[in-house]
N, C-alpha and C. Protein backbone atom coordinates (compact mmCIF):
# COMPACT_ATOMS: atom_id res chain seq x y z
N MET A 1 12.70 -0.34 -21.78
CA MET A 1 12.26 -0.59 -20.07
C MET A 1 10.85 -0.72 -20.38
N THR A 2 10.49 -2.46 -19.53
CA THR A 2 8.78 -3.45 -19.35
C THR A 2 7.96 -2.40 -18.98
N LYS A 3 6.97 -2.11 -19.28
CA LYS A 3 6.09 -0.89 -18.53
C LYS A 3 5.48 -2.43 -17.65
N ARG A 4 5.57 -1.19 -16.09
CA ARG A 4 5.69 -2.05 -14.71
C ARG A 4 4.46 -1.54 -14.05
N THR A 5 3.08 -2.03 -14.95
CA THR A 5 1.67 -1.74 -14.62
C THR A 5 0.77 -2.66 -14.11
N GLY A 6 -0.14 -2.60 -13.95
CA GLY A 6 -1.49 -3.87 -13.32
C GLY A 6 -2.99 -2.51 -13.37
N GLN A 7 -3.60 -4.01 -13.98
CA GLN A 7 -5.17 -3.63 -14.25
C GLN A 7 -5.78 -4.18 -13.72
N ILE A 8 -6.48 -4.07 -12.72
CA ILE A 8 -7.49 -4.99 -11.68
C ILE A 8 -9.37 -4.82 -12.04
N GLU A 9 -9.96 -5.66 -11.77
CA GLU A 9 -11.52 -4.81 -11.81
C GLU A 9 -11.91 -6.01 -10.97
N ARG A 10 -12.60 -5.96 -9.51
CA ARG A 10 -13.41 -6.39 -8.69
C ARG A 10 -14.75 -6.76 -8.44
N SER A 11 -15.20 -7.55 -8.58
CA SER A 11 -17.04 -7.71 -8.63
C SER A 11 -17.33 -7.96 -7.25
N THR A 12 -17.83 -7.79 -6.58
CA THR A 12 -18.78 -8.78 -5.63
C THR A 12 -19.71 -8.13 -4.78
N LEU A 13 -20.54 -8.82 -3.98
CA LEU A 13 -21.66 -8.72 -3.76
C LEU A 13 -21.65 -7.70 -2.83
N GLU A 14 -20.74 -7.01 -2.76
CA GLU A 14 -20.20 -6.06 -2.15
C GLU A 14 -19.74 -4.77 -2.22
N THR A 15 -18.70 -5.11 -3.16
CA THR A 15 -18.38 -3.85 -3.93
C THR A 15 -18.08 -4.08 -5.35
N GLN A 16 -17.79 -2.69 -6.02
CA GLN A 16 -17.53 -2.85 -7.37
C GLN A 16 -15.87 -1.70 -7.63
N ILE A 17 -14.90 -2.58 -7.88
CA ILE A 17 -13.87 -1.67 -7.86
C ILE A 17 -12.86 -1.75 -9.07
N THR A 18 -12.32 -0.57 -9.18
CA THR A 18 -11.39 -0.75 -10.83
C THR A 18 -10.10 -0.13 -10.26
N VAL A 19 -8.72 -1.13 -10.17
CA VAL A 19 -7.58 -0.27 -10.15
C VAL A 19 -6.59 -0.33 -11.28
N SER A 20 -5.93 1.08 -11.51
CA SER A 20 -4.93 1.04 -12.71
C SER A 20 -3.63 1.10 -11.72
N LEU A 21 -2.37 0.92 -12.31
CA LEU A 21 -1.62 1.29 -11.52
C LEU A 21 -0.11 1.49 -11.91
N ASN A 22 0.64 2.39 -12.11
CA ASN A 22 1.53 2.53 -13.04
C ASN A 22 2.52 2.86 -11.28
N LEU A 23 3.86 1.45 -11.55
CA LEU A 23 5.10 1.81 -10.09
C LEU A 23 6.53 2.78 -11.32
N ASP A 24 6.18 3.64 -12.47
CA ASP A 24 7.10 3.85 -12.78
C ASP A 24 6.50 5.60 -12.78
N GLY A 25 5.96 6.25 -12.43
CA GLY A 25 5.06 6.48 -12.22
C GLY A 25 5.38 8.69 -11.45
N SER A 26 4.14 9.57 -10.87
CA SER A 26 4.64 10.28 -10.32
C SER A 26 4.08 10.82 -9.35
N GLY A 27 2.81 9.87 -8.94
CA GLY A 27 2.21 10.50 -7.90
C GLY A 27 0.56 10.22 -8.39
N ALA A 28 0.53 10.44 -9.38
CA ALA A 28 -1.19 11.47 -10.69
C ALA A 28 -2.25 10.19 -10.28
N GLY A 29 -3.54 10.59 -10.58
CA GLY A 29 -4.47 9.14 -10.48
C GLY A 29 -5.33 9.87 -9.41
N GLU A 30 -6.73 9.43 -10.03
CA GLU A 30 -7.76 9.95 -9.21
C GLU A 30 -7.79 8.72 -7.77
N ARG A 31 -8.02 8.91 -6.79
CA ARG A 31 -8.84 7.64 -6.27
C ARG A 31 -10.52 8.39 -5.43
N SER A 32 -11.27 7.55 -5.62
CA SER A 32 -12.80 8.20 -5.43
C SER A 32 -13.15 6.62 -4.74
N THR A 33 -13.45 6.62 -3.86
CA THR A 33 -13.69 5.28 -2.65
C THR A 33 -15.44 5.47 -2.30
N GLY A 34 -15.44 6.67 -2.35
CA GLY A 34 -16.95 7.17 -1.29
C GLY A 34 -16.46 7.17 0.65
N VAL A 35 -14.93 7.35 0.58
CA VAL A 35 -14.84 6.93 1.85
C VAL A 35 -13.92 8.53 1.97
N GLY A 36 -13.79 9.42 1.85
CA GLY A 36 -12.79 10.55 2.14
C GLY A 36 -11.60 10.60 2.77
N PHE A 37 -11.65 10.27 3.67
CA PHE A 37 -10.31 10.00 4.80
C PHE A 37 -9.62 8.68 3.89
N PHE A 38 -10.36 7.79 3.51
CA PHE A 38 -9.26 6.53 2.88
C PHE A 38 -8.96 7.00 1.87
N ASP A 39 -9.91 8.42 0.69
CA ASP A 39 -9.06 8.47 -0.53
C ASP A 39 -7.60 9.61 -0.01
N HIS A 40 -7.67 10.47 1.14
CA HIS A 40 -7.10 10.91 1.49
C HIS A 40 -5.30 10.36 1.87
N MET A 41 -5.64 8.88 2.54
CA MET A 41 -4.42 7.82 2.86
C MET A 41 -4.00 7.69 0.71
N LEU A 42 -4.84 7.02 0.28
CA LEU A 42 -4.28 6.61 -0.97
C LEU A 42 -3.34 7.82 -1.69
N ASP A 43 -4.01 8.88 -1.83
CA ASP A 43 -3.40 10.02 -2.09
C ASP A 43 -2.15 9.87 -1.60
N GLN A 44 -1.40 10.04 -0.06
CA GLN A 44 -0.60 9.57 0.33
C GLN A 44 0.83 8.92 0.20
N LEU A 45 0.03 7.51 -0.57
CA LEU A 45 0.35 6.35 -0.51
C LEU A 45 1.03 6.10 -1.58
N ALA A 46 0.04 7.19 -2.58
CA ALA A 46 0.90 7.12 -4.57
C ALA A 46 1.89 8.26 -4.50
N ARG A 47 1.84 9.28 -3.85
CA ARG A 47 1.92 10.18 -4.10
C ARG A 47 3.64 10.55 -3.42
N HIS A 48 3.67 9.69 -2.01
CA HIS A 48 5.11 8.90 -1.67
C HIS A 48 5.97 8.38 -2.08
N GLY A 49 4.92 6.98 -2.81
CA GLY A 49 5.74 6.04 -4.22
C GLY A 49 5.85 6.28 -4.98
N LEU A 50 5.24 7.25 -5.47
CA LEU A 50 5.88 7.81 -7.19
C LEU A 50 4.95 7.09 -7.71
N PHE A 51 4.04 6.67 -7.49
CA PHE A 51 2.72 5.56 -8.27
C PHE A 51 1.78 6.28 -8.84
N ASP A 52 1.37 6.35 -10.07
CA ASP A 52 0.33 6.64 -10.81
C ASP A 52 -0.70 5.56 -10.47
N LEU A 53 -1.90 6.10 -9.61
CA LEU A 53 -2.81 4.92 -9.08
C LEU A 53 -4.18 6.13 -9.13
N ASN A 54 -5.04 4.59 -10.12
CA ASN A 54 -6.47 5.70 -10.50
C ASN A 54 -7.58 4.07 -9.59
N VAL A 55 -7.94 5.01 -8.66
CA VAL A 55 -9.13 3.99 -7.52
C VAL A 55 -10.46 4.68 -7.60
N ALA A 56 -11.35 3.44 -8.20
CA ALA A 56 -12.59 3.76 -8.28
C ALA A 56 -13.29 3.09 -7.51
N ALA A 57 -13.99 2.77 -6.77
CA ALA A 57 -14.86 1.63 -5.38
C ALA A 57 -16.25 2.16 -5.31
N SER A 58 -16.81 1.35 -5.32
CA SER A 58 -18.57 1.36 -4.82
C SER A 58 -18.71 0.08 -4.10
N GLY A 59 -19.43 0.75 -3.11
CA GLY A 59 -19.55 -0.24 -2.40
C GLY A 59 -20.35 -0.01 -0.81
N ASP A 60 -20.65 -1.40 0.06
CA ASP A 60 -22.13 -1.10 0.84
C ASP A 60 -21.37 -0.41 2.27
N LEU A 61 -21.69 1.30 1.52
CA LEU A 61 -20.92 2.01 2.89
C LEU A 61 -22.21 2.25 3.34
N HIS A 62 -23.78 1.42 3.47
CA HIS A 62 -24.89 1.39 4.02
C HIS A 62 -24.81 1.06 5.47
N ILE A 63 -23.55 -0.02 5.26
CA ILE A 63 -23.10 -1.21 6.56
C ILE A 63 -22.49 -0.39 7.07
N ASP A 64 -20.82 -0.01 6.59
CA ASP A 64 -20.09 0.41 7.15
C ASP A 64 -18.69 0.05 5.85
N ALA A 65 -18.14 1.44 6.00
CA ALA A 65 -16.59 1.54 5.29
C ALA A 65 -15.61 -0.12 4.93
N HIS A 66 -16.05 -1.10 5.70
CA HIS A 66 -15.17 -1.99 6.05
C HIS A 66 -14.84 -2.95 4.59
N HIS A 67 -16.04 -3.79 3.83
CA HIS A 67 -15.81 -3.97 2.67
C HIS A 67 -14.98 -3.29 1.67
N THR A 68 -15.07 -2.09 1.88
CA THR A 68 -14.89 -1.19 0.50
C THR A 68 -12.97 -0.78 0.83
N VAL A 69 -13.01 -0.88 2.27
CA VAL A 69 -11.49 -0.54 2.29
C VAL A 69 -10.27 -1.70 2.04
N GLU A 70 -11.49 -2.75 2.68
CA GLU A 70 -10.49 -4.25 2.32
C GLU A 70 -10.24 -4.45 1.06
N ASP A 71 -11.51 -4.39 0.33
CA ASP A 71 -11.39 -4.78 -0.57
C ASP A 71 -10.46 -3.67 -1.96
N VAL A 72 -10.37 -2.77 -1.83
CA VAL A 72 -9.40 -1.89 -2.10
C VAL A 72 -7.69 -2.34 -2.17
N GLY A 73 -7.52 -2.60 -1.03
CA GLY A 73 -6.78 -3.07 -0.18
C GLY A 73 -6.14 -4.51 -1.53
N ILE A 74 -6.93 -4.98 -1.45
CA ILE A 74 -6.75 -6.68 -1.70
C ILE A 74 -7.06 -6.20 -3.42
N SER A 75 -7.55 -5.23 -4.16
CA SER A 75 -7.18 -5.18 -5.50
C SER A 75 -5.90 -4.61 -5.78
N ILE A 76 -5.41 -3.26 -4.95
CA ILE A 76 -4.51 -2.87 -5.26
C ILE A 76 -3.21 -3.71 -4.80
N GLY A 77 -3.00 -4.39 -4.31
CA GLY A 77 -2.48 -5.90 -3.77
C GLY A 77 -2.53 -6.78 -5.42
N GLN A 78 -3.40 -7.08 -5.47
CA GLN A 78 -3.64 -7.98 -6.79
C GLN A 78 -2.89 -7.05 -8.30
N ALA A 79 -2.79 -5.35 -8.36
CA ALA A 79 -2.26 -4.95 -9.38
C ALA A 79 -0.83 -4.43 -9.04
N PHE A 80 -0.28 -4.20 -7.77
CA PHE A 80 0.71 -4.44 -7.40
C PHE A 80 1.66 -6.35 -7.83
N ALA A 81 0.86 -7.21 -7.52
CA ALA A 81 2.00 -8.18 -8.37
C ALA A 81 1.52 -8.78 -9.45
N GLN A 82 0.70 -8.09 -10.52
CA GLN A 82 0.52 -7.98 -11.57
C GLN A 82 2.08 -7.38 -12.47
N ALA A 83 2.20 -5.58 -11.57
CA ALA A 83 3.09 -4.67 -11.95
C ALA A 83 4.31 -5.62 -12.00
N LEU A 84 4.61 -6.56 -10.98
CA LEU A 84 6.10 -6.95 -10.33
C LEU A 84 5.48 -8.70 -10.68
N PRO A 85 5.65 -9.12 -12.19
CA PRO A 85 4.97 -10.63 -12.44
C PRO A 85 6.93 -11.36 -11.71
N ASP A 86 7.58 -10.61 -12.00
CA ASP A 86 9.09 -11.37 -11.25
C ASP A 86 9.83 -10.48 -11.18
N LYS A 87 10.96 -10.67 -9.39
CA LYS A 87 11.66 -9.21 -9.29
C LYS A 87 12.98 -9.09 -9.66
N ARG A 88 13.35 -9.26 -11.01
CA ARG A 88 14.90 -9.82 -11.48
C ARG A 88 15.23 -7.76 -11.71
N GLY A 89 16.36 -8.34 -10.89
CA GLY A 89 16.60 -6.76 -10.99
C GLY A 89 16.54 -5.15 -9.67
N LEU A 90 15.79 -5.78 -9.08
CA LEU A 90 15.09 -4.91 -8.27
C LEU A 90 15.85 -4.93 -6.61
N VAL A 91 15.65 -3.68 -6.53
CA VAL A 91 16.34 -3.63 -4.44
C VAL A 91 16.11 -4.85 -3.45
N ARG A 92 14.72 -5.33 -3.39
CA ARG A 92 14.11 -6.24 -3.27
C ARG A 92 13.79 -5.49 -1.48
N TYR A 93 14.43 -4.73 -0.92
CA TYR A 93 14.01 -4.19 0.35
C TYR A 93 13.92 -2.83 0.29
N GLY A 94 12.60 -2.18 1.19
CA GLY A 94 12.81 -0.72 1.64
C GLY A 94 12.40 -0.32 2.79
N HIS A 95 12.49 1.01 3.31
CA HIS A 95 12.26 1.39 4.70
C HIS A 95 12.11 2.65 4.90
N ALA A 96 11.54 3.13 5.33
CA ALA A 96 11.18 4.70 5.59
C ALA A 96 10.54 5.24 6.80
N PHE A 97 11.49 6.22 7.82
CA PHE A 97 10.55 6.49 8.44
C PHE A 97 9.65 8.05 8.05
N CYS A 98 8.57 8.49 8.13
CA CYS A 98 7.98 9.70 8.22
C CYS A 98 7.08 10.00 9.69
N PRO A 99 7.73 11.72 9.75
CA PRO A 99 6.77 12.21 11.03
C PRO A 99 5.82 12.97 9.89
N LEU A 100 4.28 13.22 10.88
CA LEU A 100 3.96 14.47 10.88
C LEU A 100 3.76 15.10 12.19
N ASP A 101 4.55 16.40 12.38
CA ASP A 101 4.05 17.21 13.71
C ASP A 101 4.63 15.72 14.70
N GLU A 102 3.83 15.74 15.63
CA GLU A 102 4.07 14.52 17.21
C GLU A 102 4.42 13.34 16.82
N ALA A 103 3.72 13.04 15.50
CA ALA A 103 3.75 11.43 15.10
C ALA A 103 4.51 11.00 13.93
N LEU A 104 4.74 9.96 14.56
CA LEU A 104 6.66 9.16 13.63
C LEU A 104 6.15 7.69 13.22
N SER A 105 6.03 7.25 12.25
CA SER A 105 6.01 5.99 11.69
C SER A 105 6.93 5.25 11.05
N ARG A 106 7.35 4.23 11.37
CA ARG A 106 8.56 3.32 9.91
C ARG A 106 8.58 2.06 9.39
N VAL A 107 8.13 2.41 8.28
CA VAL A 107 7.92 1.06 7.48
C VAL A 107 9.14 0.23 7.28
N VAL A 108 9.07 -1.18 7.27
CA VAL A 108 9.98 -1.74 6.24
C VAL A 108 9.45 -2.75 5.59
N VAL A 109 9.90 -2.93 4.02
CA VAL A 109 8.86 -3.71 3.34
C VAL A 109 10.56 -5.22 2.61
N ASP A 110 9.35 -6.35 2.44
CA ASP A 110 9.75 -6.99 1.65
C ASP A 110 9.21 -8.13 0.79
N LEU A 111 10.03 -7.51 -1.01
CA LEU A 111 9.15 -8.16 -2.02
C LEU A 111 9.49 -9.27 -1.94
N SER A 112 9.12 -10.29 -1.06
CA SER A 112 9.79 -11.62 -0.30
C SER A 112 9.11 -12.75 -1.31
N GLY A 113 7.08 -12.36 -1.82
CA GLY A 113 6.87 -13.07 -2.20
C GLY A 113 5.62 -14.19 -1.38
N ARG A 114 6.76 -14.20 -0.31
CA ARG A 114 5.41 -14.41 1.42
C ARG A 114 4.47 -13.19 1.68
N PRO A 115 3.42 -13.74 1.75
CA PRO A 115 2.81 -12.45 2.26
C PRO A 115 2.71 -12.22 3.96
N GLY A 116 2.95 -11.17 4.93
CA GLY A 116 2.79 -10.93 6.18
C GLY A 116 2.91 -9.77 6.47
N LEU A 117 1.93 -9.38 6.86
CA LEU A 117 1.62 -8.07 8.06
C LEU A 117 2.30 -7.98 9.86
N TYR A 118 2.98 -7.26 9.69
CA TYR A 118 3.32 -7.60 11.55
C TYR A 118 2.59 -5.74 11.35
N PHE A 119 1.49 -5.26 12.33
CA PHE A 119 1.21 -4.13 12.35
C PHE A 119 1.31 -3.68 13.83
N ARG A 120 1.91 -2.86 14.10
CA ARG A 120 1.66 -2.11 15.56
C ARG A 120 1.44 -0.62 15.27
N ALA A 121 0.27 -0.82 15.87
CA ALA A 121 0.03 1.26 16.18
C ALA A 121 -0.96 1.13 16.88
N ASP A 122 -1.33 1.83 18.37
CA ASP A 122 -2.11 2.07 18.80
C ASP A 122 -2.66 3.47 19.16
N PHE A 123 -3.44 3.23 18.29
CA PHE A 123 -4.32 4.79 18.01
C PHE A 123 -5.30 5.41 19.32
N PRO A 124 -4.90 6.84 19.77
CA PRO A 124 -5.70 6.83 20.84
C PRO A 124 -7.45 7.09 20.82
N VAL A 125 -7.55 6.48 19.66
CA VAL A 125 -9.20 6.49 18.82
C VAL A 125 -9.69 6.24 18.30
N GLU A 126 -11.20 5.43 18.22
CA GLU A 126 -11.50 4.01 16.88
C GLU A 126 -11.53 4.78 15.51
N ARG A 127 -11.61 6.66 16.10
CA ARG A 127 -12.38 7.13 14.27
C ARG A 127 -11.28 8.34 14.45
N VAL A 128 -11.57 8.65 12.90
CA VAL A 128 -11.07 9.62 12.77
C VAL A 128 -12.36 10.55 11.47
N GLY A 129 -13.31 10.90 12.24
CA GLY A 129 -14.21 11.32 11.16
C GLY A 129 -15.52 10.52 11.33
N GLU A 130 -15.27 9.35 10.10
CA GLU A 130 -16.47 8.43 10.11
C GLU A 130 -15.61 7.67 9.41
N PHE A 131 -14.04 6.78 9.51
CA PHE A 131 -13.02 6.46 9.95
C PHE A 131 -12.90 5.55 10.84
N ASP A 132 -12.87 4.53 10.21
CA ASP A 132 -12.39 3.53 11.83
C ASP A 132 -11.08 3.56 11.93
N THR A 133 -10.47 3.10 12.51
CA THR A 133 -9.10 2.98 12.61
C THR A 133 -8.23 1.87 12.42
N GLU A 134 -9.16 0.75 12.84
CA GLU A 134 -8.95 -0.11 12.65
C GLU A 134 -8.72 -0.88 11.41
N LEU A 135 -9.39 0.10 10.65
CA LEU A 135 -9.35 -0.11 8.85
C LEU A 135 -8.15 0.19 8.63
N VAL A 136 -7.31 0.52 9.01
CA VAL A 136 -5.46 0.60 8.12
C VAL A 136 -5.32 -0.46 8.26
N ALA A 137 -5.27 -1.36 9.52
CA ALA A 137 -4.60 -2.53 9.40
C ALA A 137 -5.43 -3.78 8.37
N GLU A 138 -6.49 -3.37 8.09
CA GLU A 138 -7.51 -4.19 7.25
C GLU A 138 -6.86 -3.88 6.15
N PHE A 139 -6.57 -2.58 5.34
CA PHE A 139 -6.36 -2.39 4.08
C PHE A 139 -5.16 -3.14 3.73
N TRP A 140 -4.31 -2.93 4.78
CA TRP A 140 -2.99 -3.47 4.54
C TRP A 140 -2.75 -4.73 4.79
N GLN A 141 -3.51 -5.68 5.12
CA GLN A 141 -3.69 -7.11 5.63
C GLN A 141 -3.87 -7.30 3.81
N GLY A 142 -5.26 -6.86 3.05
CA GLY A 142 -5.51 -7.25 2.34
C GLY A 142 -4.39 -7.12 1.13
N PHE A 143 -4.03 -5.90 1.32
CA PHE A 143 -2.62 -5.24 0.35
C PHE A 143 -1.52 -6.39 0.39
N VAL A 144 -1.36 -7.23 1.58
CA VAL A 144 0.06 -7.74 1.58
C VAL A 144 -0.32 -9.11 0.63
N ASN A 145 -1.88 -9.65 1.43
CA ASN A 145 -2.01 -10.93 1.12
C ASN A 145 -2.39 -11.17 0.02
N HIS A 146 -1.96 -10.16 -1.25
CA HIS A 146 -2.58 -10.33 -2.89
C HIS A 146 -0.95 -9.95 -3.41
N ALA A 147 0.07 -9.17 -2.41
CA ALA A 147 0.88 -8.67 -3.34
C ALA A 147 2.08 -9.14 -3.05
N GLY A 148 2.09 -10.14 -2.01
CA GLY A 148 2.83 -11.09 -1.95
C GLY A 148 3.71 -10.44 -1.02
N VAL A 149 3.85 -9.70 -0.36
CA VAL A 149 4.84 -8.87 0.71
C VAL A 149 4.98 -9.44 1.61
N THR A 150 6.23 -9.27 2.33
CA THR A 150 6.57 -8.78 4.17
C THR A 150 6.46 -7.45 4.17
N LEU A 151 5.23 -6.63 4.87
CA LEU A 151 5.03 -5.55 5.33
C LEU A 151 5.45 -5.54 7.58
N HIS A 152 6.42 -4.68 7.90
CA HIS A 152 6.25 -4.30 9.31
C HIS A 152 6.47 -2.93 9.09
N MET A 153 4.80 -2.47 10.30
CA MET A 153 4.73 -1.12 10.30
C MET A 153 4.44 -0.69 10.98
N ASP A 154 5.08 -0.18 12.17
CA ASP A 154 5.23 0.45 13.51
C ASP A 154 4.79 2.20 13.38
N ALA A 155 3.70 2.49 14.13
CA ALA A 155 3.76 3.72 14.56
C ALA A 155 4.35 4.28 16.25
N LEU A 156 5.63 5.04 15.40
CA LEU A 156 6.39 4.68 16.80
C LEU A 156 5.94 5.98 17.75
N ALA A 157 5.47 6.75 17.73
CA ALA A 157 4.50 7.84 18.65
C ALA A 157 3.38 8.89 17.44
N GLY A 158 3.27 9.39 18.87
CA GLY A 158 1.54 10.04 18.05
C GLY A 158 0.65 10.08 18.95
N ASP A 159 0.27 11.70 18.95
CA ASP A 159 -1.46 11.59 20.10
C ASP A 159 -2.37 11.45 18.85
N ASN A 160 -1.83 12.05 17.79
CA ASN A 160 -3.16 12.14 16.14
C ASN A 160 -3.72 11.30 16.09
N ALA A 161 -4.74 10.45 16.01
CA ALA A 161 -4.80 9.29 15.09
C ALA A 161 -4.89 9.86 13.76
N HIS A 162 -5.55 10.81 12.99
CA HIS A 162 -5.25 11.72 11.91
C HIS A 162 -3.72 11.57 11.29
N HIS A 163 -3.06 12.07 11.86
CA HIS A 163 -1.33 12.43 12.38
C HIS A 163 -0.53 10.41 11.74
N MET A 164 -1.33 9.90 12.92
CA MET A 164 -0.55 8.76 12.95
C MET A 164 -0.35 7.77 11.73
N ALA A 165 -2.08 7.40 11.22
CA ALA A 165 -2.09 7.00 10.05
C ALA A 165 -1.93 7.49 8.78
N GLU A 166 -1.83 9.16 8.52
CA GLU A 166 -0.64 9.37 7.89
C GLU A 166 0.54 8.90 7.48
N THR A 167 0.89 8.82 8.46
CA THR A 167 2.55 8.55 8.45
C THR A 167 2.60 6.95 7.93
N LEU A 168 1.71 6.18 9.03
CA LEU A 168 2.14 4.81 8.32
C LEU A 168 1.61 5.13 6.71
N PHE A 169 1.10 5.79 5.81
CA PHE A 169 0.93 5.43 4.70
C PHE A 169 1.89 6.31 3.79
N LYS A 170 2.27 7.39 4.86
CA LYS A 170 3.35 8.22 3.77
C LYS A 170 4.45 7.38 3.44
N ALA A 171 5.27 6.53 5.30
CA ALA A 171 6.27 5.77 5.03
C ALA A 171 6.14 4.36 3.88
N ALA A 172 4.73 3.97 3.94
CA ALA A 172 4.53 2.82 3.26
C ALA A 172 4.73 3.40 1.86
N GLY A 173 4.58 4.27 1.17
CA GLY A 173 4.97 4.87 -0.24
C GLY A 173 5.92 4.92 -0.74
N ARG A 174 6.49 5.24 0.48
CA ARG A 174 8.84 5.76 0.05
C ARG A 174 9.35 4.45 0.38
N ALA A 175 8.31 3.28 1.30
CA ALA A 175 9.27 2.11 1.13
C ALA A 175 9.32 1.00 0.28
N LEU A 176 8.19 1.00 -0.14
CA LEU A 176 7.59 0.48 -1.65
C LEU A 176 8.63 0.61 -2.22
N ARG A 177 8.62 2.40 -2.55
CA ARG A 177 9.17 2.40 -3.96
C ARG A 177 10.73 2.46 -3.83
N MET A 178 11.54 2.37 -2.19
CA MET A 178 12.78 2.25 -2.96
C MET A 178 12.68 0.58 -2.83
N ALA A 179 12.13 -0.58 -2.83
CA ALA A 179 11.67 -1.76 -2.75
C ALA A 179 11.66 -2.08 -4.57
N CYS A 180 10.57 -1.10 -4.90
CA CYS A 180 10.91 -1.37 -6.28
C CYS A 180 12.16 -0.56 -6.93
N ALA A 181 12.25 -0.20 -6.93
CA ALA A 181 13.67 0.72 -7.64
C ALA A 181 14.70 -0.31 -7.91
N ARG A 182 15.25 -0.09 -9.64
CA ARG A 182 16.62 -0.75 -10.01
C ARG A 182 17.80 -0.69 -8.96
N ASP A 183 18.13 -1.89 -9.08
CA ASP A 183 19.67 -2.22 -8.56
C ASP A 183 21.06 -2.09 -9.32
N THR A 184 21.51 -0.97 -9.54
CA THR A 184 22.67 -0.68 -10.13
C THR A 184 23.44 -1.80 -9.88
N GLY A 185 23.44 -2.30 -8.97
CA GLY A 185 24.58 -3.38 -8.01
C GLY A 185 24.02 -4.93 -9.42
N LEU A 186 22.94 -4.74 -9.12
CA LEU A 186 22.70 -6.15 -9.75
C LEU A 186 22.53 -6.05 -11.55
N SER A 187 22.32 -6.74 -12.65
CA SER A 187 22.03 -6.88 -13.49
C SER A 187 20.93 -7.21 -13.37
N GLU A 188 20.34 -6.78 -14.67
CA GLU A 188 18.89 -6.42 -15.13
C GLU A 188 17.80 -8.52 -14.79
N ASP A 189 18.47 -9.22 -15.22
CA ASP A 189 18.35 -10.51 -14.72
C ASP A 189 18.58 -11.06 -13.72
N ALA A 190 18.62 -10.76 -12.81
CA ALA A 190 19.20 -11.11 -11.56
C ALA A 190 17.99 -11.01 -10.11
N LEU A 191 18.04 -11.94 -9.71
CA LEU A 191 17.13 -12.00 -8.43
C LEU A 191 17.66 -12.04 -7.31
N PRO A 192 17.31 -10.77 -6.90
CA PRO A 192 18.18 -10.44 -5.58
C PRO A 192 18.15 -11.56 -4.40
N SER A 193 17.97 -12.34 -4.76
CA SER A 193 17.64 -14.09 -3.70
C SER A 193 19.18 -14.89 -3.99
N THR A 194 19.17 -15.48 -2.26
CA THR A 194 20.45 -16.27 -2.48
C THR A 194 19.27 -18.00 -3.07
N LYS A 195 18.21 -18.09 -3.00
CA LYS A 195 17.38 -19.53 -3.63
C LYS A 195 17.01 -18.77 -4.82
N GLY A 196 17.56 -17.73 -5.62
CA GLY A 196 17.24 -18.42 -7.11
C GLY A 196 15.31 -17.50 -7.37
N ALA A 197 14.77 -17.77 -6.72
CA ALA A 197 13.28 -17.62 -6.98
C ALA A 197 12.91 -16.67 -5.82
N LEU A 198 11.99 -15.62 -6.32
CA LEU A 198 10.77 -14.74 -5.27
C LEU A 198 9.70 -15.01 -5.53
């Protein structure tokens, strides 16, 4: 079986990031971005996706976390695209509902080759600790733009912004895990598309 891995180094005037990704892992790895809540969300993505994910990032946190979070999303998206150079033999679609106490989120993904984020979450507060809740969408926008996936994310219920964000990352991990799985009904070289290309 071909290893489905990606390795990205990204360096700008705002951030320096290294990412390694193994889609056929166990959720292992270290996530260190300097933004504690964001590291917690990346842990959820990796553990529920069963992706081995290592992220080391340093950024201009003296300004805020925006550039770091967005650029980590870009880098993980690039690693994801590198790990899946073609989609032959894959399920292609994935979906998951994840609850956490009063919060409930649904995520649906298509490994379409077409970047698209459709994000619907009405967070009750603007910040969780020092983390701006609007950065949840920024991370996923960076990811889909560079992974080339269509992603629908809906926070269906919730009063606690921490819980809501966490269910979105957990559900995304599980939906991506489903979409990346081998489709036992397809031959290994078959594309899950009537167009013959993704």
